[in-house]
Amino acid sequence: MNPAKILVIDDEAAIRRFLKISLEADGFAYLEAGNGHEGLALAASHRPDLIVLDLGLPDLDGLTILKRIREWSGVPVIILTVKDAERDKVSLLDAGADDYLTKPFSVPELIARIRVALRHAQPQDADAVFRSGTLEIDLTKRTVTRDGALVKLTATEYALLRLLVKSPGRVLTQTQLLREVWGPGSIEQTQYLRVFIGHLRKKLEVDPSRPRLILTEPGVGYRLSDHSSQT
């Protein structure tokens, strides 16, 4: 099997060198670009399996590059940014980013997130079952069990859980979740989301006060922990 091809678009040569060493040591094929125009050209000509994109490039804004890529490709994109504002993170995820890391970042964490994004980019079997400990979610049968017992969910709770299960490890913004579950007219009703996330945690988490399955990204949204398996 050919190694996954990772394209790094970053104007800092030191970061590119470090990532080249780290990614190749981890078995990935490596491509790099020092600016946005070069990155777009490589993305189109080499079709990488994943793109690591720096938000602060000298020639093109990272958000512009992301939107251009999304016009023709669904390749996973992980954003590197020095910005820590919640609205910036929400804008990136809503524009199609799969994940983000704030600089300075841990290379082992980046590699872990790369593996998660690559895994979820692969076509999933139609009868995929999500498991986490004794919890089992079967999307084709529309059943949820915990310790072998059926967990009863409302239609809204199941719709919300289904969205999270379809993108484990990926942050879903409050806007995305509200739009998909309650409709475009409800994207400001964040209290709905908090209430139903609370309901799901009470039914699915071992300790709802210390959730380990449905994780909060403060001010941004929620992600389903990827410490699980799918078959």
Protein backbone atom coordinates (compact mmCIF):
# COMPACT_ATOMS: atom_id res chain seq x y z
CA MET A 1 0.00 0.00 0.00
CA ASN A 2 1.38 3.42 -0.94
CA PRO A 3 2.02 5.79 1.97
CA ALA A 4 -0.48 8.61 2.47
CA LYS A 5 0.69 11.78 0.75
CA ILE A 6 0.68 14.89 2.98
CA LEU A 7 0.96 18.38 1.51
CA VAL A 8 2.20 21.04 3.94
CA ILE A 9 1.54 24.66 2.90
CA ASP A 10 3.48 26.94 5.26
CA ASP A 11 5.74 29.92 4.63
CA GLU A 12 8.07 29.13 7.56
CA ALA A 13 10.96 27.04 6.22
CA ALA A 14 11.91 25.81 9.71
CA ILE A 15 8.43 24.39 10.28
CA ARG A 16 8.45 22.72 6.86
CA ARG A 17 11.84 21.09 7.56
CA PHE A 18 10.71 19.85 10.96
CA LEU A 19 7.44 18.49 9.62
CA LYS A 20 9.23 16.79 6.72
CA ILE A 21 11.48 14.90 9.13
CA SER A 22 8.60 14.02 11.47
CA LEU A 23 6.08 12.97 8.82
CA GLU A 24 8.55 10.93 6.77
CA ALA A 25 9.77 9.21 9.95
CA ASP A 26 6.13 8.27 10.59
CA GLY A 27 5.79 6.68 7.17
CA PHE A 28 4.05 9.46 5.24
CA ALA A 29 5.01 10.77 1.80
CA TYR A 30 5.74 14.50 2.02
CA LEU A 31 5.07 17.47 -0.24
CA GLU A 32 5.59 21.12 0.65
CA ALA A 33 4.79 24.61 -0.56
CA GLY A 34 6.00 27.94 0.80
CA ASN A 35 3.05 30.05 -0.37
CA GLY A 36 -0.60 29.80 -1.30
CA HIS A 37 -0.31 29.83 -5.08
CA GLU A 38 2.30 27.06 -5.04
CA GLY A 39 0.17 25.10 -2.59
CA LEU A 40 -2.93 25.29 -4.79
CA ALA A 41 -0.89 24.17 -7.80
CA LEU A 42 0.54 21.17 -5.92
CA ALA A 43 -2.88 20.28 -4.52
CA ALA A 44 -4.28 20.17 -8.06
CA SER A 45 -1.37 18.36 -9.72
CA HIS A 46 -0.36 15.84 -7.01
CA ARG A 47 -3.75 15.18 -5.37
CA PRO A 48 -2.48 14.70 -1.80
CA ASP A 49 -4.39 12.57 0.69
CA LEU A 50 -4.37 15.38 3.26
CA ILE A 51 -3.34 19.05 3.41
CA VAL A 52 -1.82 20.85 6.40
CA LEU A 53 -2.51 24.52 5.72
CA ASP A 54 -1.00 27.51 7.52
CA LEU A 55 -3.55 30.29 7.86
CA GLY A 56 -1.07 33.17 7.67
CA LEU A 57 0.55 32.98 4.25
CA PRO A 58 2.24 35.96 2.52
CA ASP A 59 0.35 35.85 -0.78
CA LEU A 60 -3.09 34.36 -0.15
CA ASP A 61 -5.26 34.23 2.95
CA GLY A 62 -5.56 30.68 4.26
CA LEU A 63 -9.35 30.91 4.32
CA THR A 64 -9.31 31.86 0.63
CA ILE A 65 -7.12 28.85 -0.17
CA LEU A 66 -9.44 26.57 1.80
CA LYS A 67 -12.49 27.83 -0.08
CA ARG A 68 -10.73 27.38 -3.43
CA ILE A 69 -9.78 23.81 -2.55
CA ARG A 70 -13.34 23.06 -1.50
CA GLU A 71 -14.59 24.16 -4.92
CA TRP A 72 -13.17 20.95 -6.42
CA SER A 73 -11.92 18.65 -3.67
CA GLY A 74 -13.03 17.07 -0.42
CA VAL A 75 -9.45 16.29 0.66
CA PRO A 76 -9.06 16.55 4.47
CA VAL A 77 -7.55 19.90 5.50
CA ILE A 78 -6.01 20.63 8.90
CA ILE A 79 -5.42 24.31 9.62
CA LEU A 80 -2.40 25.69 11.50
CA THR A 81 -3.12 29.10 12.98
CA VAL A 82 -1.75 31.55 15.53
CA LYS A 83 -5.28 32.91 16.00
CA ASP A 84 -7.15 31.62 19.01
CA ALA A 85 -10.40 33.57 18.58
CA GLU A 86 -13.50 31.41 18.66
CA ARG A 87 -15.07 33.18 15.67
CA ASP A 88 -11.99 32.39 13.55
CA LYS A 89 -12.17 28.70 14.41
CA VAL A 90 -15.89 28.60 13.65
CA SER A 91 -15.34 30.32 10.29
CA LEU A 92 -12.65 27.80 9.33
CA LEU A 93 -14.74 24.77 10.23
CA ASP A 94 -17.83 26.17 8.53
CA ALA A 95 -15.73 26.81 5.40
CA GLY A 96 -14.76 23.14 5.21
CA ALA A 97 -11.70 22.61 7.42
CA ASP A 98 -11.58 19.19 9.05
CA ASP A 99 -9.58 20.26 12.09
CA TYR A 100 -7.26 22.98 13.38
CA LEU A 101 -4.26 23.39 15.65
CA THR A 102 -3.09 26.60 17.26
CA LYS A 103 0.61 27.44 16.99
CA PRO A 104 2.82 26.48 18.74
CA PHE A 105 1.58 22.92 18.41
CA SER A 106 2.73 19.43 19.37
CA VAL A 107 3.91 17.35 16.40
CA PRO A 108 2.65 14.08 17.97
CA GLU A 109 -0.77 15.71 18.32
CA LEU A 110 -0.68 16.88 14.70
CA ILE A 111 0.25 13.39 13.51
CA ALA A 112 -2.54 11.89 15.63
CA ARG A 113 -5.04 14.29 14.08
CA ILE A 114 -3.71 13.53 10.60
CA ARG A 115 -4.32 9.82 11.19
CA VAL A 116 -7.85 10.51 12.45
CA ALA A 117 -8.66 12.69 9.43
CA LEU A 118 -7.25 10.13 6.98
CA ARG A 119 -9.16 7.31 8.62
CA HIS A 120 -12.45 9.18 8.38
CA ALA A 121 -11.77 10.18 4.79
CA GLN A 122 -11.94 6.52 3.77
CA PRO A 123 -15.32 5.25 2.53
CA GLN A 124 -17.19 3.66 5.40
CA ASP A 125 -19.03 0.38 5.08
CA ALA A 126 -22.78 0.80 4.86
CA ASP A 127 -23.32 -1.22 8.03
CA ALA A 128 -20.68 0.61 10.09
CA VAL A 129 -21.02 0.25 13.84
CA PHE A 130 -19.43 2.77 16.20
CA ARG A 131 -18.16 1.37 19.49
CA SER A 132 -16.71 3.06 22.55
CA GLY A 133 -16.27 0.82 25.57
CA THR A 134 -19.62 -0.86 26.21
CA LEU A 135 -21.47 1.66 24.05
CA GLU A 136 -22.51 0.54 20.55
CA ILE A 137 -24.18 2.71 17.91
CA ASP A 138 -25.46 1.01 14.76
CA LEU A 139 -26.42 3.64 12.21
CA THR A 140 -28.07 1.21 9.80
CA LYS A 141 -30.27 -0.38 12.46
CA ARG A 142 -30.71 3.00 14.20
CA THR A 143 -30.00 1.38 17.55
CA VAL A 144 -27.92 2.47 20.53
CA THR A 145 -26.97 0.02 23.26
CA ARG A 146 -24.93 0.35 26.43
CA ASP A 147 -23.82 -2.69 28.41
CA GLY A 148 -26.00 -4.70 26.03
CA ALA A 149 -29.16 -2.80 26.96
CA LEU A 150 -31.08 -0.65 24.49
CA VAL A 151 -30.76 3.10 25.10
CA LYS A 152 -33.94 4.97 24.23
CA LEU A 153 -33.32 8.25 22.41
CA THR A 154 -35.77 10.83 21.12
CA ALA A 155 -35.76 11.56 17.39
CA THR A 156 -33.88 14.81 18.02
CA GLU A 157 -31.32 13.17 20.30
CA TYR A 158 -30.67 10.47 17.71
CA ALA A 159 -30.36 13.00 14.87
CA LEU A 160 -27.76 14.93 16.88
CA LEU A 161 -25.85 11.79 17.85
CA ARG A 162 -25.89 10.53 14.26
CA LEU A 163 -24.16 13.70 13.03
CA LEU A 164 -21.44 13.35 15.65
CA VAL A 165 -20.94 9.64 14.91
CA LYS A 166 -20.59 10.29 11.19
CA SER A 167 -17.59 12.56 11.89
CA PRO A 168 -15.81 11.11 14.94
CA GLY A 169 -12.80 13.12 16.03
CA ARG A 170 -13.89 16.11 13.95
CA VAL A 171 -15.17 19.34 15.47
CA LEU A 172 -18.71 20.18 14.39
CA THR A 173 -19.64 23.80 15.00
CA GLN A 174 -22.76 24.86 16.83
CA THR A 175 -24.01 26.40 13.58
CA GLN A 176 -23.52 23.14 11.66
CA LEU A 177 -25.33 21.07 14.28
CA LEU A 178 -28.21 23.51 14.71
CA ARG A 179 -28.70 23.86 10.96
CA GLU A 180 -28.73 20.11 10.36
CA VAL A 181 -30.92 19.11 13.31
CA TRP A 182 -33.25 22.07 13.83
CA GLY A 183 -33.08 23.82 10.46
CA PRO A 184 -31.50 27.04 9.16
CA GLY A 185 -33.93 29.22 11.12
CA SER A 186 -32.55 27.91 14.43
CA ILE A 187 -28.83 28.62 14.11
CA GLU A 188 -28.96 31.22 16.90
CA GLN A 189 -30.72 28.88 19.35
CA THR A 190 -27.59 27.54 21.01
CA GLN A 191 -29.55 26.73 24.18
CA TYR A 192 -31.30 23.93 22.27
CA LEU A 193 -27.94 22.39 21.54
CA ARG A 194 -26.67 22.63 25.13
CA VAL A 195 -29.83 21.02 26.45
CA PHE A 196 -29.77 18.08 24.04
CA ILE A 197 -26.02 17.52 24.42
CA GLY A 198 -26.74 17.32 28.15
CA HIS A 199 -29.48 14.74 27.52
CA LEU A 200 -27.14 12.61 25.40
CA ARG A 201 -24.39 12.74 28.00
CA LYS A 202 -26.78 11.59 30.74
CA LYS A 203 -27.78 8.60 28.61
CA LEU A 204 -24.40 7.68 27.11
CA GLU A 205 -21.57 8.85 29.36
CA VAL A 206 -20.31 6.82 32.30
CA ASP A 207 -19.96 10.09 34.23
CA PRO A 208 -21.97 12.89 32.55
CA SER A 209 -20.23 15.53 34.68
CA ARG A 210 -16.88 14.46 33.22
CA PRO A 211 -17.71 13.54 29.61
CA ARG A 212 -15.24 11.43 27.68
CA LEU A 213 -17.35 10.63 24.63
CA ILE A 214 -19.00 13.91 23.61
CA LEU A 215 -16.37 16.61 24.09
CA THR A 216 -16.90 20.37 24.14
CA GLU A 217 -14.76 22.77 22.10
CA PRO A 218 -15.56 25.94 24.09
CA GLY A 219 -17.32 28.58 22.02
CA VAL A 220 -16.93 26.49 18.86
CA GLY A 221 -18.91 23.27 19.02
CA TYR A 222 -18.56 19.59 19.87
CA ARG A 223 -16.59 16.55 18.78
CA LEU A 224 -17.09 12.83 19.36
CA SER A 225 -14.01 11.29 20.93
CA ASP A 226 -12.15 9.05 18.51
CA HIS A 227 -11.07 6.61 21.22
CA SER A 228 -13.39 4.06 19.65
CA SER A 229 -13.67 1.58 16.81
CA GLN A 230 -15.78 1.22 13.70
CA THR A 231 -16.59 -1.98 11.83
